[in-house]
Amino acid sequence: MSSSKSSSKTTVRDPYATLQIDRRATGAEIKTAYFRLVRDFPPEKDADKFQEIRAAYEQLRTPERRAQSDMFLLQPPPPLPTRRSASYDLTVHVEDLARIAMEWVVAQQPLEKEFRIPDGLK
């Protein structure tokens, strides 16, 4: 049984910094930087660093992947919305009590007082 790490794809935050190159580097410069760093950090010497270098190179290897990486570098993700708890005013105000009392009085009156019945319908 092999004790290999997870095979999930790793995404490097800034592949240019990892490969120690300028953002305007050509494809040949990216490849040269990758092979230089792989020589300096072979998997036998530093497996984690090698994986990071490899992931950075994979992000910049083709023009399509490079454009996608550049898009994410130029536009950082939007900040998460702050969650605010709802606040309620549970204070009893005199105006509230007066309104409740008025509504109660009106509710007790029969509807005939509110509406006039035409003479022909009595």
PDB file of N, CA and C in Angstrom:
ATOM      1  N   MET A   1       0.850  -1.184   0.000  1.00  0.00           N
ATOM      2  CA  MET A   1       0.000   0.000   0.000  1.00  0.00           C
ATOM      3  C   MET A   1       0.891   1.241   0.000  1.00  0.00           C
ATOM      4  N   SER A   2       0.574   2.177  -0.818  1.00  0.00           N
ATOM      5  CA  SER A   2       1.366   3.390  -0.965  1.00  0.00           C
ATOM      6  C   SER A   2       0.934   4.430   0.059  1.00  0.00           C
ATOM      7  N   SER A   3       1.911   5.209   0.521  1.00  0.00           N
ATOM      8  CA  SER A   3       1.594   6.266   1.485  1.00  0.00           C
ATOM      9  C   SER A   3       1.681   7.625   0.814  1.00  0.00           C
ATOM     10  N   SER A   4       1.156   7.724  -0.384  1.00  0.00           N
ATOM     11  CA  SER A   4       1.204   8.992  -1.103  1.00  0.00           C
ATOM     12  C   SER A   4       0.165   9.954  -0.551  1.00  0.00           C
ATOM     13  N   LYS A   5       0.461  11.230  -0.760  1.00  0.00           N
ATOM     14  CA  LYS A   5      -0.456  12.269  -0.292  1.00  0.00           C
ATOM     15  C   LYS A   5      -1.657  12.340  -1.204  1.00  0.00           C
ATOM     16  N   SER A   6      -2.632  13.108  -0.798  1.00  0.00           N
ATOM     17  CA  SER A   6      -3.857  13.274  -1.585  1.00  0.00           C
ATOM     18  C   SER A   6      -3.512  13.783  -2.978  1.00  0.00           C
ATOM     19  N   SER A   7      -4.205  13.286  -3.974  1.00  0.00           N
ATOM     20  CA  SER A   7      -3.922  13.680  -5.352  1.00  0.00           C
ATOM     21  C   SER A   7      -4.760  14.873  -5.791  1.00  0.00           C
ATOM     22  N   SER A   8      -5.369  15.574  -4.842  1.00  0.00           N
ATOM     23  CA  SER A   8      -6.177  16.735  -5.211  1.00  0.00           C
ATOM     24  C   SER A   8      -5.272  17.844  -5.731  1.00  0.00           C
ATOM     25  N   LYS A   9      -5.801  18.634  -6.648  1.00  0.00           N
ATOM     26  CA  LYS A   9      -5.026  19.709  -7.253  1.00  0.00           C
ATOM     27  C   LYS A   9      -4.765  20.803  -6.229  1.00  0.00           C
ATOM     28  N   THR A  10      -3.522  21.274  -6.212  1.00  0.00           N
ATOM     29  CA  THR A  10      -3.122  22.342  -5.318  1.00  0.00           C
ATOM     30  C   THR A  10      -3.112  23.646  -6.103  1.00  0.00           C
ATOM     31  N   THR A  11      -3.620  24.708  -5.507  1.00  0.00           N
ATOM     32  CA  THR A  11      -3.583  26.023  -6.130  1.00  0.00           C
ATOM     33  C   THR A  11      -2.663  26.908  -5.314  1.00  0.00           C
ATOM     34  N   VAL A  12      -1.700  27.511  -5.987  1.00  0.00           N
ATOM     35  CA  VAL A  12      -0.743  28.397  -5.333  1.00  0.00           C
ATOM     36  C   VAL A  12      -1.316  29.806  -5.363  1.00  0.00           C
ATOM     37  N   ARG A  13      -1.198  30.504  -4.252  1.00  0.00           N
ATOM     38  CA  ARG A  13      -1.759  31.850  -4.149  1.00  0.00           C
ATOM     39  C   ARG A  13      -1.161  32.786  -5.200  1.00  0.00           C
ATOM     40  N   ASP A  14       0.168  32.827  -5.303  1.00  0.00           N
ATOM     41  CA  ASP A  14       0.828  33.654  -6.315  1.00  0.00           C
ATOM     42  C   ASP A  14       1.905  32.818  -6.990  1.00  0.00           C
ATOM     43  N   PRO A  15       1.583  32.201  -8.121  1.00  0.00           N
ATOM     44  CA  PRO A  15       2.556  31.325  -8.777  1.00  0.00           C
ATOM     45  C   PRO A  15       3.803  32.065  -9.250  1.00  0.00           C
ATOM     46  N   TYR A  16       3.685  33.356  -9.551  1.00  0.00           N
ATOM     47  CA  TYR A  16       4.850  34.126  -9.979  1.00  0.00           C
ATOM     48  C   TYR A  16       5.861  34.253  -8.839  1.00  0.00           C
ATOM     49  N   ALA A  17       5.370  34.520  -7.642  1.00  0.00           N
ATOM     50  CA  ALA A  17       6.270  34.629  -6.488  1.00  0.00           C
ATOM     51  C   ALA A  17       6.904  33.280  -6.180  1.00  0.00           C
ATOM     52  N   THR A  18       6.118  32.212  -6.293  1.00  0.00           N
ATOM     53  CA  THR A  18       6.647  30.877  -6.025  1.00  0.00           C
ATOM     54  C   THR A  18       7.769  30.531  -6.996  1.00  0.00           C
ATOM     55  N   LEU A  19       7.590  30.879  -8.272  1.00  0.00           N
ATOM     56  CA  LEU A  19       8.615  30.588  -9.277  1.00  0.00           C
ATOM     57  C   LEU A  19       9.681  31.677  -9.355  1.00  0.00           C
ATOM     58  N   GLN A  20       9.534  32.724  -8.551  1.00  0.00           N
ATOM     59  CA  GLN A  20      10.494  33.829  -8.469  1.00  0.00           C
ATOM     60  C   GLN A  20      10.698  34.493  -9.833  1.00  0.00           C
ATOM     61  N   ILE A  21       9.585  34.810 -10.492  1.00  0.00           N
ATOM     62  CA  ILE A  21       9.635  35.461 -11.799  1.00  0.00           C
ATOM     63  C   ILE A  21       8.705  36.662 -11.814  1.00  0.00           C
ATOM     64  N   ASP A  22       8.914  37.508 -12.817  1.00  0.00           N
ATOM     65  CA  ASP A  22       8.086  38.692 -13.012  1.00  0.00           C
ATOM     66  C   ASP A  22       6.776  38.291 -13.690  1.00  0.00           C
ATOM     67  N   ARG A  23       5.743  39.061 -13.473  1.00  0.00           N
ATOM     68  CA  ARG A  23       4.441  38.764 -14.089  1.00  0.00           C
ATOM     69  C   ARG A  23       4.479  38.881 -15.614  1.00  0.00           C
ATOM     70  N   ARG A  24       5.453  39.588 -16.136  1.00  0.00           N
ATOM     71  CA  ARG A  24       5.565  39.738 -17.593  1.00  0.00           C
ATOM     72  C   ARG A  24       6.489  38.689 -18.208  1.00  0.00           C
ATOM     73  N   ALA A  25       6.859  37.669 -17.441  1.00  0.00           N
ATOM     74  CA  ALA A  25       7.786  36.639 -17.929  1.00  0.00           C
ATOM     75  C   ALA A  25       7.198  35.899 -19.126  1.00  0.00           C
ATOM     76  N   THR A  26       8.086  35.513 -20.029  1.00  0.00           N
ATOM     77  CA  THR A  26       7.657  34.752 -21.205  1.00  0.00           C
ATOM     78  C   THR A  26       7.477  33.287 -20.821  1.00  0.00           C
ATOM     79  N   GLY A  27       6.906  32.525 -21.734  1.00  0.00           N
ATOM     80  CA  GLY A  27       6.741  31.094 -21.499  1.00  0.00           C
ATOM     81  C   GLY A  27       8.074  30.401 -21.281  1.00  0.00           C
ATOM     82  N   ALA A  28       9.091  30.821 -22.035  1.00  0.00           N
ATOM     83  CA  ALA A  28      10.427  30.229 -21.886  1.00  0.00           C
ATOM     84  C   ALA A  28      11.020  30.568 -20.517  1.00  0.00           C
ATOM     85  N   GLU A  29      10.806  31.797 -20.050  1.00  0.00           N
ATOM     86  CA  GLU A  29      11.321  32.193 -18.731  1.00  0.00           C
ATOM     87  C   GLU A  29      10.618  31.419 -17.620  1.00  0.00           C
ATOM     88  N   ILE A  30       9.341  31.163 -17.782  1.00  0.00           N
ATOM     89  CA  ILE A  30       8.594  30.382 -16.785  1.00  0.00           C
ATOM     90  C   ILE A  30       9.160  28.973 -16.715  1.00  0.00           C
ATOM     91  N   LYS A  31       9.391  28.384 -17.875  1.00  0.00           N
ATOM     92  CA  LYS A  31       9.923  27.017 -17.937  1.00  0.00           C
ATOM     93  C   LYS A  31      11.326  26.950 -17.336  1.00  0.00           C
ATOM     94  N   THR A  32      12.172  27.925 -17.659  1.00  0.00           N
ATOM     95  CA  THR A  32      13.536  27.964 -17.121  1.00  0.00           C
ATOM     96  C   THR A  32      13.511  28.087 -15.603  1.00  0.00           C
ATOM     97  N   ALA A  33      12.658  28.972 -15.090  1.00  0.00           N
ATOM     98  CA  ALA A  33      12.561  29.155 -13.636  1.00  0.00           C
ATOM     99  C   ALA A  33      12.071  27.878 -12.972  1.00  0.00           C
ATOM    100  N   TYR A  34      11.114  27.206 -13.584  1.00  0.00           N
ATOM    101  CA  TYR A  34      10.588  25.953 -13.034  1.00  0.00           C
ATOM    102  C   TYR A  34      11.691  24.908 -12.920  1.00  0.00           C
ATOM    103  N   PHE A  35      12.435  24.684 -14.003  1.00  0.00           N
ATOM    104  CA  PHE A  35      13.482  23.660 -13.972  1.00  0.00           C
ATOM    105  C   PHE A  35      14.619  24.030 -13.017  1.00  0.00           C
ATOM    106  N   ARG A  36      14.928  25.324 -12.901  1.00  0.00           N
ATOM    107  CA  ARG A  36      15.953  25.759 -11.944  1.00  0.00           C
ATOM    108  C   ARG A  36      15.519  25.428 -10.515  1.00  0.00           C
ATOM    109  N   LEU A  37      14.248  25.729 -10.185  1.00  0.00           N
ATOM    110  CA  LEU A  37      13.759  25.475  -8.829  1.00  0.00           C
ATOM    111  C   LEU A  37      13.605  23.982  -8.554  1.00  0.00           C
ATOM    112  N   VAL A  38      13.237  23.204  -9.558  1.00  0.00           N
ATOM    113  CA  VAL A  38      13.125  21.755  -9.370  1.00  0.00           C
ATOM    114  C   VAL A  38      14.504  21.162  -9.078  1.00  0.00           C
ATOM    115  N   ARG A  39      15.542  21.704  -9.729  1.00  0.00           N
ATOM    116  CA  ARG A  39      16.911  21.249  -9.420  1.00  0.00           C
ATOM    117  C   ARG A  39      17.294  21.611  -7.986  1.00  0.00           C
ATOM    118  N   ASP A  40      16.876  22.810  -7.541  1.00  0.00           N
ATOM    119  CA  ASP A  40      17.209  23.255  -6.181  1.00  0.00           C
ATOM    120  C   ASP A  40      16.389  22.535  -5.117  1.00  0.00           C
ATOM    121  N   PHE A  41      15.162  22.170  -5.444  1.00  0.00           N
ATOM    122  CA  PHE A  41      14.260  21.526  -4.481  1.00  0.00           C
ATOM    123  C   PHE A  41      13.674  20.238  -5.069  1.00  0.00           C
ATOM    124  N   PRO A  42      14.491  19.211  -5.237  1.00  0.00           N
ATOM    125  CA  PRO A  42      13.946  17.955  -5.774  1.00  0.00           C
ATOM    126  C   PRO A  42      12.991  17.322  -4.768  1.00  0.00           C
ATOM    127  N   PRO A  43      12.081  16.453  -5.239  1.00  0.00           N
ATOM    128  CA  PRO A  43      11.101  15.857  -4.327  1.00  0.00           C
ATOM    129  C   PRO A  43      11.743  15.050  -3.202  1.00  0.00           C
ATOM    130  N   GLU A  44      12.924  14.497  -3.441  1.00  0.00           N
ATOM    131  CA  GLU A  44      13.602  13.729  -2.392  1.00  0.00           C
ATOM    132  C   GLU A  44      14.112  14.632  -1.274  1.00  0.00           C
ATOM    133  N   LYS A  45      14.428  15.872  -1.614  1.00  0.00           N
ATOM    134  CA  LYS A  45      14.999  16.813  -0.645  1.00  0.00           C
ATOM    135  C   LYS A  45      13.903  17.539   0.143  1.00  0.00           C
ATOM    136  N   ASP A  46      12.904  18.072  -0.572  1.00  0.00           N
ATOM    137  CA  ASP A  46      11.824  18.843   0.069  1.00  0.00           C
ATOM    138  C   ASP A  46      10.537  18.629  -0.730  1.00  0.00           C
ATOM    139  N   ALA A  47       9.801  17.590  -0.362  1.00  0.00           N
ATOM    140  CA  ALA A  47       8.609  17.196  -1.124  1.00  0.00           C
ATOM    141  C   ALA A  47       7.546  18.289  -1.138  1.00  0.00           C
ATOM    142  N   ASP A  48       7.347  18.975  -0.008  1.00  0.00           N
ATOM    143  CA  ASP A  48       6.315  20.020   0.053  1.00  0.00           C
ATOM    144  C   ASP A  48       6.655  21.190  -0.866  1.00  0.00           C
ATOM    145  N   LYS A  49       7.908  21.625  -0.818  1.00  0.00           N
ATOM    146  CA  LYS A  49       8.341  22.739  -1.673  1.00  0.00           C
ATOM    147  C   LYS A  49       8.244  22.334  -3.144  1.00  0.00           C
ATOM    148  N   PHE A  50       8.620  21.097  -3.451  1.00  0.00           N
ATOM    149  CA  PHE A  50       8.518  20.606  -4.826  1.00  0.00           C
ATOM    150  C   PHE A  50       7.069  20.640  -5.304  1.00  0.00           C
ATOM    151  N   GLN A  51       6.139  20.196  -4.461  1.00  0.00           N
ATOM    152  CA  GLN A  51       4.717  20.209  -4.833  1.00  0.00           C
ATOM    153  C   GLN A  51       4.231  21.634  -5.076  1.00  0.00           C
ATOM    154  N   GLU A  52       4.692  22.568  -4.255  1.00  0.00           N
ATOM    155  CA  GLU A  52       4.303  23.975  -4.422  1.00  0.00           C
ATOM    156  C   GLU A  52       4.835  24.526  -5.750  1.00  0.00           C
ATOM    157  N   ILE A  53       6.088  24.207  -6.063  1.00  0.00           N
ATOM    158  CA  ILE A  53       6.692  24.658  -7.320  1.00  0.00           C
ATOM    159  C   ILE A  53       5.957  24.039  -8.505  1.00  0.00           C
ATOM    160  N   ARG A  54       5.671  22.761  -8.402  1.00  0.00           N
ATOM    161  CA  ARG A  54       4.971  22.047  -9.479  1.00  0.00           C
ATOM    162  C   ARG A  54       3.574  22.652  -9.707  1.00  0.00           C
ATOM    163  N   ALA A  55       2.857  22.937  -8.612  1.00  0.00           N
ATOM    164  CA  ALA A  55       1.521  23.530  -8.730  1.00  0.00           C
ATOM    165  C   ALA A  55       1.593  24.918  -9.365  1.00  0.00           C
ATOM    166  N   ALA A  56       2.601  25.708  -8.988  1.00  0.00           N
ATOM    167  CA  ALA A  56       2.761  27.040  -9.572  1.00  0.00           C
ATOM    168  C   ALA A  56       3.028  26.934 -11.070  1.00  0.00           C
ATOM    169  N   TYR A  57       3.876  25.997 -11.453  1.00  0.00           N
ATOM    170  CA  TYR A  57       4.174  25.810 -12.878  1.00  0.00           C
ATOM    171  C   TYR A  57       2.931  25.362 -13.642  1.00  0.00           C
ATOM    172  N   GLU A  58       2.149  24.483 -13.052  1.00  0.00           N
ATOM    173  CA  GLU A  58       0.922  24.017 -13.706  1.00  0.00           C
ATOM    174  C   GLU A  58      -0.049  25.172 -13.939  1.00  0.00           C
ATOM    175  N   GLN A  59      -0.056  26.147 -13.021  1.00  0.00           N
ATOM    176  CA  GLN A  59      -0.949  27.299 -13.177  1.00  0.00           C
ATOM    177  C   GLN A  59      -0.504  28.214 -14.315  1.00  0.00           C
ATOM    178  N   LEU A  60       0.796  28.207 -14.626  1.00  0.00           N
ATOM    179  CA  LEU A  60       1.319  29.131 -15.635  1.00  0.00           C
ATOM    180  C   LEU A  60       1.785  28.426 -16.905  1.00  0.00           C
ATOM    181  N   ARG A  61       1.657  27.118 -16.966  1.00  0.00           N
ATOM    182  CA  ARG A  61       2.233  26.315 -18.050  1.00  0.00           C
ATOM    183  C   ARG A  61       1.662  26.664 -19.417  1.00  0.00           C
ATOM    184  N   THR A  62       0.359  26.821 -19.531  1.00  0.00           N
ATOM    185  CA  THR A  62      -0.258  27.145 -20.824  1.00  0.00           C
ATOM    186  C   THR A  62      -0.828  28.560 -20.772  1.00  0.00           C
ATOM    187  N   PRO A  63      -0.956  29.205 -21.923  1.00  0.00           N
ATOM    188  CA  PRO A  63      -1.522  30.565 -21.934  1.00  0.00           C
ATOM    189  C   PRO A  63      -2.928  30.625 -21.334  1.00  0.00           C
ATOM    190  N   GLU A  64      -3.727  29.576 -21.532  1.00  0.00           N
ATOM    191  CA  GLU A  64      -5.087  29.572 -20.991  1.00  0.00           C
ATOM    192  C   GLU A  64      -5.067  29.531 -19.465  1.00  0.00           C
ATOM    193  N   ARG A  65      -4.262  28.640 -18.906  1.00  0.00           N
ATOM    194  CA  ARG A  65      -4.175  28.542 -17.440  1.00  0.00           C
ATOM    195  C   ARG A  65      -3.553  29.799 -16.850  1.00  0.00           C
ATOM    196  N   ARG A  66      -2.581  30.356 -17.559  1.00  0.00           N
ATOM    197  CA  ARG A  66      -1.935  31.578 -17.080  1.00  0.00           C
ATOM    198  C   ARG A  66      -2.947  32.725 -17.039  1.00  0.00           C
ATOM    199  N   ALA A  67      -3.773  32.843 -18.075  1.00  0.00           N
ATOM    200  CA  ALA A  67      -4.792  33.906 -18.103  1.00  0.00           C
ATOM    201  C   ALA A  67      -5.773  33.732 -16.955  1.00  0.00           C
ATOM    202  N   GLN A  68      -6.146  32.493 -16.676  1.00  0.00           N
ATOM    203  CA  GLN A  68      -7.071  32.233 -15.569  1.00  0.00           C
ATOM    204  C   GLN A  68      -6.426  32.605 -14.231  1.00  0.00           C
ATOM    205  N   SER A  69      -5.167  32.242 -14.043  1.00  0.00           N
ATOM    206  CA  SER A  69      -4.464  32.591 -12.801  1.00  0.00           C
ATOM    207  C   SER A  69      -4.331  34.100 -12.660  1.00  0.00           C
ATOM    208  N   ASP A  70      -3.994  34.768 -13.779  1.00  0.00           N
ATOM    209  CA  ASP A  70      -3.852  36.226 -13.738  1.00  0.00           C
ATOM    210  C   ASP A  70      -5.161  36.900 -13.361  1.00  0.00           C
ATOM    211  N   MET A  71      -6.263  36.366 -13.853  1.00  0.00           N
ATOM    212  CA  MET A  71      -7.567  36.949 -13.535  1.00  0.00           C
ATOM    213  C   MET A  71      -7.823  36.893 -12.028  1.00  0.00           C
ATOM    214  N   PHE A  72      -7.496  35.774 -11.396  1.00  0.00           N
ATOM    215  CA  PHE A  72      -7.715  35.651  -9.955  1.00  0.00           C
ATOM    216  C   PHE A  72      -6.731  36.505  -9.160  1.00  0.00           C
ATOM    217  N   LEU A  73      -5.521  36.704  -9.697  1.00  0.00           N
ATOM    218  CA  LEU A  73      -4.549  37.546  -9.001  1.00  0.00           C
ATOM    219  C   LEU A  73      -4.949  39.015  -9.063  1.00  0.00           C
ATOM    220  N   LEU A  74      -5.543  39.428 -10.179  1.00  0.00           N
ATOM    221  CA  LEU A  74      -5.934  40.830 -10.335  1.00  0.00           C
ATOM    222  C   LEU A  74      -7.203  41.173  -9.576  1.00  0.00           C
ATOM    223  N   GLN A  75      -8.080  40.199  -9.420  1.00  0.00           N
ATOM    224  CA  GLN A  75      -9.346  40.444  -8.740  1.00  0.00           C
ATOM    225  C   GLN A  75      -9.425  39.573  -7.495  1.00  0.00           C
ATOM    226  N   PRO A  76      -9.036  40.117  -6.358  1.00  0.00           N
ATOM    227  CA  PRO A  76      -9.152  39.309  -5.142  1.00  0.00           C
ATOM    228  C   PRO A  76     -10.620  39.011  -4.857  1.00  0.00           C
ATOM    229  N   PRO A  77     -10.884  37.927  -4.181  1.00  0.00           N
ATOM    230  CA  PRO A  77     -12.277  37.587  -3.897  1.00  0.00           C
ATOM    231  C   PRO A  77     -12.938  38.668  -3.049  1.00  0.00           C
ATOM    232  N   PRO A  78     -14.228  38.878  -3.238  1.00  0.00           N
ATOM    233  CA  PRO A  78     -14.916  39.905  -2.450  1.00  0.00           C
ATOM    234  C   PRO A  78     -14.923  39.518  -0.977  1.00  0.00           C
ATOM    235  N   PRO A  79     -14.913  40.511  -0.104  1.00  0.00           N
ATOM    236  CA  PRO A  79     -14.932  40.191   1.328  1.00  0.00           C
ATOM    237  C   PRO A  79     -16.251  39.539   1.717  1.00  0.00           C
ATOM    238  N   LEU A  80     -16.176  38.698   2.695  1.00  0.00           N
ATOM    239  CA  LEU A  80     -17.383  38.041   3.181  1.00  0.00           C
ATOM    240  C   LEU A  80     -18.276  39.070   3.866  1.00  0.00           C
ATOM    241  N   PRO A  81     -19.570  38.982   3.670  1.00  0.00           N
ATOM    242  CA  PRO A  81     -20.459  39.948   4.324  1.00  0.00           C
ATOM    243  C   PRO A  81     -20.428  39.747   5.834  1.00  0.00           C
ATOM    244  N   THR A  82     -20.477  40.862   6.532  1.00  0.00           N
ATOM    245  CA  THR A  82     -20.513  40.769   7.990  1.00  0.00           C
ATOM    246  C   THR A  82     -21.930  40.442   8.414  1.00  0.00           C
ATOM    247  N   ARG A  83     -22.027  39.533   9.314  1.00  0.00           N
ATOM    248  CA  ARG A  83     -23.352  39.108   9.777  1.00  0.00           C
ATOM    249  C   ARG A  83     -23.700  39.893  11.032  1.00  0.00           C
ATOM    250  N   ARG A  84     -24.768  40.649  10.939  1.00  0.00           N
ATOM    251  CA  ARG A  84     -25.203  41.448  12.077  1.00  0.00           C
ATOM    252  C   ARG A  84     -26.470  40.837  12.636  1.00  0.00           C
ATOM    253  N   SER A  85     -26.529  40.783  13.937  1.00  0.00           N
ATOM    254  CA  SER A  85     -27.736  40.242  14.556  1.00  0.00           C
ATOM    255  C   SER A  85     -28.822  41.319  14.549  1.00  0.00           C
ATOM    256  N   ALA A  86     -30.043  40.881  14.425  1.00  0.00           N
ATOM    257  CA  ALA A  86     -31.170  41.809  14.406  1.00  0.00           C
ATOM    258  C   ALA A  86     -31.348  42.419  15.791  1.00  0.00           C
ATOM    259  N   SER A  87     -31.700  43.687  15.810  1.00  0.00           N
ATOM    260  CA  SER A  87     -31.954  44.335  17.095  1.00  0.00           C
ATOM    261  C   SER A  87     -33.429  44.738  17.145  1.00  0.00           C
ATOM    262  N   TYR A  88     -33.996  44.547  18.283  1.00  0.00           N
ATOM    263  CA  TYR A  88     -35.416  44.841  18.470  1.00  0.00           C
ATOM    264  C   TYR A  88     -35.570  45.840  19.608  1.00  0.00           C
ATOM    265  N   ASP A  89     -36.506  46.782  19.415  1.00  0.00           N
ATOM    266  CA  ASP A  89     -36.812  47.743  20.466  1.00  0.00           C
ATOM    267  C   ASP A  89     -37.983  47.178  21.260  1.00  0.00           C
ATOM    268  N   LEU A  90     -37.695  46.629  22.427  1.00  0.00           N
ATOM    269  CA  LEU A  90     -38.731  46.020  23.258  1.00  0.00           C
ATOM    270  C   LEU A  90     -39.215  46.960  24.355  1.00  0.00           C
ATOM    271  N   THR A  91     -38.855  48.226  24.252  1.00  0.00           N
ATOM    272  CA  THR A  91     -39.283  49.210  25.230  1.00  0.00           C
ATOM    273  C   THR A  91     -40.761  49.531  25.017  1.00  0.00           C
ATOM    274  N   VAL A  92     -41.524  49.590  26.108  1.00  0.00           N
ATOM    275  CA  VAL A  92     -42.945  49.929  26.025  1.00  0.00           C
ATOM    276  C   VAL A  92     -43.057  51.451  26.081  1.00  0.00           C
ATOM    277  N   HIS A  93     -43.635  52.020  25.035  1.00  0.00           N
ATOM    278  CA  HIS A  93     -43.796  53.468  24.949  1.00  0.00           C
ATOM    279  C   HIS A  93     -45.254  53.833  25.217  1.00  0.00           C
ATOM    280  N   VAL A  94     -45.463  55.034  25.749  1.00  0.00           N
ATOM    281  CA  VAL A  94     -46.811  55.512  26.049  1.00  0.00           C
ATOM    282  C   VAL A  94     -47.652  55.557  24.773  1.00  0.00           C
ATOM    283  N   GLU A  95     -47.036  55.955  23.660  1.00  0.00           N
ATOM    284  CA  GLU A  95     -47.769  56.028  22.395  1.00  0.00           C
ATOM    285  C   GLU A  95     -48.279  54.645  21.979  1.00  0.00           C
ATOM    286  N   ASP A  96     -47.483  53.620  22.225  1.00  0.00           N
ATOM    287  CA  ASP A  96     -47.904  52.258  21.882  1.00  0.00           C
ATOM    288  C   ASP A  96     -49.110  51.838  22.718  1.00  0.00           C
ATOM    289  N   LEU A  97     -49.064  52.153  24.004  1.00  0.00           N
ATOM    290  CA  LEU A  97     -50.182  51.792  24.883  1.00  0.00           C
ATOM    291  C   LEU A  97     -51.455  52.530  24.473  1.00  0.00           C
ATOM    292  N   ALA A  98     -51.336  53.807  24.117  1.00  0.00           N
ATOM    293  CA  ALA A  98     -52.505  54.586  23.695  1.00  0.00           C
ATOM    294  C   ALA A  98     -53.091  54.010  22.404  1.00  0.00           C
ATOM    295  N   ARG A  99     -52.250  53.608  21.461  1.00  0.00           N
ATOM    296  CA  ARG A  99     -52.729  53.035  20.202  1.00  0.00           C
ATOM    297  C   ARG A  99     -53.433  51.705  20.444  1.00  0.00           C
ATOM    298  N   ILE A 100     -52.877  50.880  21.308  1.00  0.00           N
ATOM    299  CA  ILE A 100     -53.499  49.586  21.619  1.00  0.00           C
ATOM    300  C   ILE A 100     -54.854  49.795  22.286  1.00  0.00           C
ATOM    301  N   ALA A 101     -54.929  50.752  23.223  1.00  0.00           N
ATOM    302  CA  ALA A 101     -56.198  51.028  23.908  1.00  0.00           C
ATOM    303  C   ALA A 101     -57.241  51.532  22.916  1.00  0.00           C
ATOM    304  N   MET A 102     -56.861  52.401  22.006  1.00  0.00           N
ATOM    305  CA  MET A 102     -57.789  52.930  21.008  1.00  0.00           C
ATOM    306  C   MET A 102     -58.286  51.808  20.098  1.00  0.00           C
ATOM    307  N   GLU A 103     -57.391  50.924  19.667  1.00  0.00           N
ATOM    308  CA  GLU A 103     -57.802  49.807  18.809  1.00  0.00           C
ATOM    309  C   GLU A 103     -58.754  48.872  19.553  1.00  0.00           C
ATOM    310  N   TRP A 104     -58.530  48.681  20.837  1.00  0.00           N
ATOM    311  CA  TRP A 104     -59.409  47.805  21.624  1.00  0.00           C
ATOM    312  C   TRP A 104     -60.806  48.416  21.737  1.00  0.00           C
ATOM    313  N   VAL A 105     -60.878  49.739  21.988  1.00  0.00           N
ATOM    314  CA  VAL A 105     -62.169  50.422  22.098  1.00  0.00           C
ATOM    315  C   VAL A 105     -62.917  50.335  20.773  1.00  0.00           C
ATOM    316  N   VAL A 106     -62.241  50.570  19.675  1.00  0.00           N
ATOM    317  CA  VAL A 106     -62.880  50.518  18.359  1.00  0.00           C
ATOM    318  C   VAL A 106     -63.352  49.103  18.063  1.00  0.00           C
ATOM    319  N   ALA A 107     -62.600  48.117  18.453  1.00  0.00           N
ATOM    320  CA  ALA A 107     -62.974  46.721  18.189  1.00  0.00           C
ATOM    321  C   ALA A 107     -64.210  46.311  18.977  1.00  0.00           C
ATOM    322  N   GLN A 108     -64.497  46.946  20.091  1.00  0.00           N
ATOM    323  CA  GLN A 108     -65.651  46.600  20.916  1.00  0.00           C
ATOM    324  C   GLN A 108     -66.951  47.184  20.375  1.00  0.00           C
ATOM    325  N   GLN A 109     -66.882  48.191  19.527  1.00  0.00           N
ATOM    326  CA  GLN A 109     -68.090  48.829  19.008  1.00  0.00           C
ATOM    327  C   GLN A 109     -68.696  47.980  17.893  1.00  0.00           C
ATOM    328  N   PRO A 110     -70.024  47.921  17.843  1.00  0.00           N
ATOM    329  CA  PRO A 110     -70.673  47.162  16.767  1.00  0.00           C
ATOM    330  C   PRO A 110     -70.452  47.841  15.417  1.00  0.00           C
ATOM    331  N   LEU A 111     -70.462  47.066  14.360  1.00  0.00           N
ATOM    332  CA  LEU A 111     -70.208  47.594  13.021  1.00  0.00           C
ATOM    333  C   LEU A 111     -71.291  48.561  12.556  1.00  0.00           C
ATOM    334  N   GLU A 112     -72.516  48.453  13.107  1.00  0.00           N
ATOM    335  CA  GLU A 112     -73.586  49.339  12.671  1.00  0.00           C
ATOM    336  C   GLU A 112     -73.254  50.804  12.945  1.00  0.00           C
ATOM    337  N   LYS A 113     -72.464  51.062  13.974  1.00  0.00           N
ATOM    338  CA  LYS A 113     -72.093  52.445  14.270  1.00  0.00           C
ATOM    339  C   LYS A 113     -71.135  52.975  13.201  1.00  0.00           C
ATOM    340  N   GLU A 114     -70.359  52.101  12.616  1.00  0.00           N
ATOM    341  CA  GLU A 114     -69.368  52.520  11.631  1.00  0.00           C
ATOM    342  C   GLU A 114     -69.982  52.712  10.247  1.00  0.00           C
ATOM    343  N   PHE A 115     -71.013  51.941   9.929  1.00  0.00           N
ATOM    344  CA  PHE A 115     -71.609  51.984   8.598  1.00  0.00           C
ATOM    345  C   PHE A 115     -73.081  52.374   8.696  1.00  0.00           C
ATOM    346  N   ARG A 116     -73.553  53.185   7.765  1.00  0.00           N
ATOM    347  CA  ARG A 116     -74.955  53.580   7.729  1.00  0.00           C
ATOM    348  C   ARG A 116     -75.690  52.645   6.787  1.00  0.00           C
ATOM    349  N   ILE A 117     -76.784  52.096   7.259  1.00  0.00           N
ATOM    350  CA  ILE A 117     -77.599  51.215   6.430  1.00  0.00           C
ATOM    351  C   ILE A 117     -78.623  52.087   5.713  1.00  0.00           C
ATOM    352  N   PRO A 118     -78.683  51.996   4.391  1.00  0.00           N
ATOM    353  CA  PRO A 118     -79.647  52.813   3.637  1.00  0.00           C
ATOM    354  C   PRO A 118     -81.074  52.510   4.088  1.00  0.00           C
ATOM    355  N   ASP A 119     -81.960  53.524   4.008  1.00  0.00           N
ATOM    356  CA  ASP A 119     -83.340  53.394   4.481  1.00  0.00           C
ATOM    357  C   ASP A 119     -84.099  52.282   3.764  1.00  0.00           C
ATOM    358  N   GLY A 120     -83.860  52.049   2.516  1.00  0.00           N
ATOM    359  CA  GLY A 120     -84.596  51.043   1.768  1.00  0.00           C
ATOM    360  C   GLY A 120     -84.227  49.622   2.163  1.00  0.00           C
ATOM    361  N   LEU A 121     -83.130  49.410   2.842  1.00  0.00           N
ATOM    362  CA  LEU A 121     -82.684  48.061   3.195  1.00  0.00           C
ATOM    363  C   LEU A 121     -83.054  47.676   4.621  1.00  0.00           C
ATOM    364  N   LYS A 122     -83.621  48.569   5.407  1.00  0.00           N
ATOM    365  CA  LYS A 122     -83.964  48.252   6.799  1.00  0.00           C
ATOM    366  C   LYS A 122     -85.134  47.360   6.895  1.00  0.00           C
TER     367      LYS A 122
END
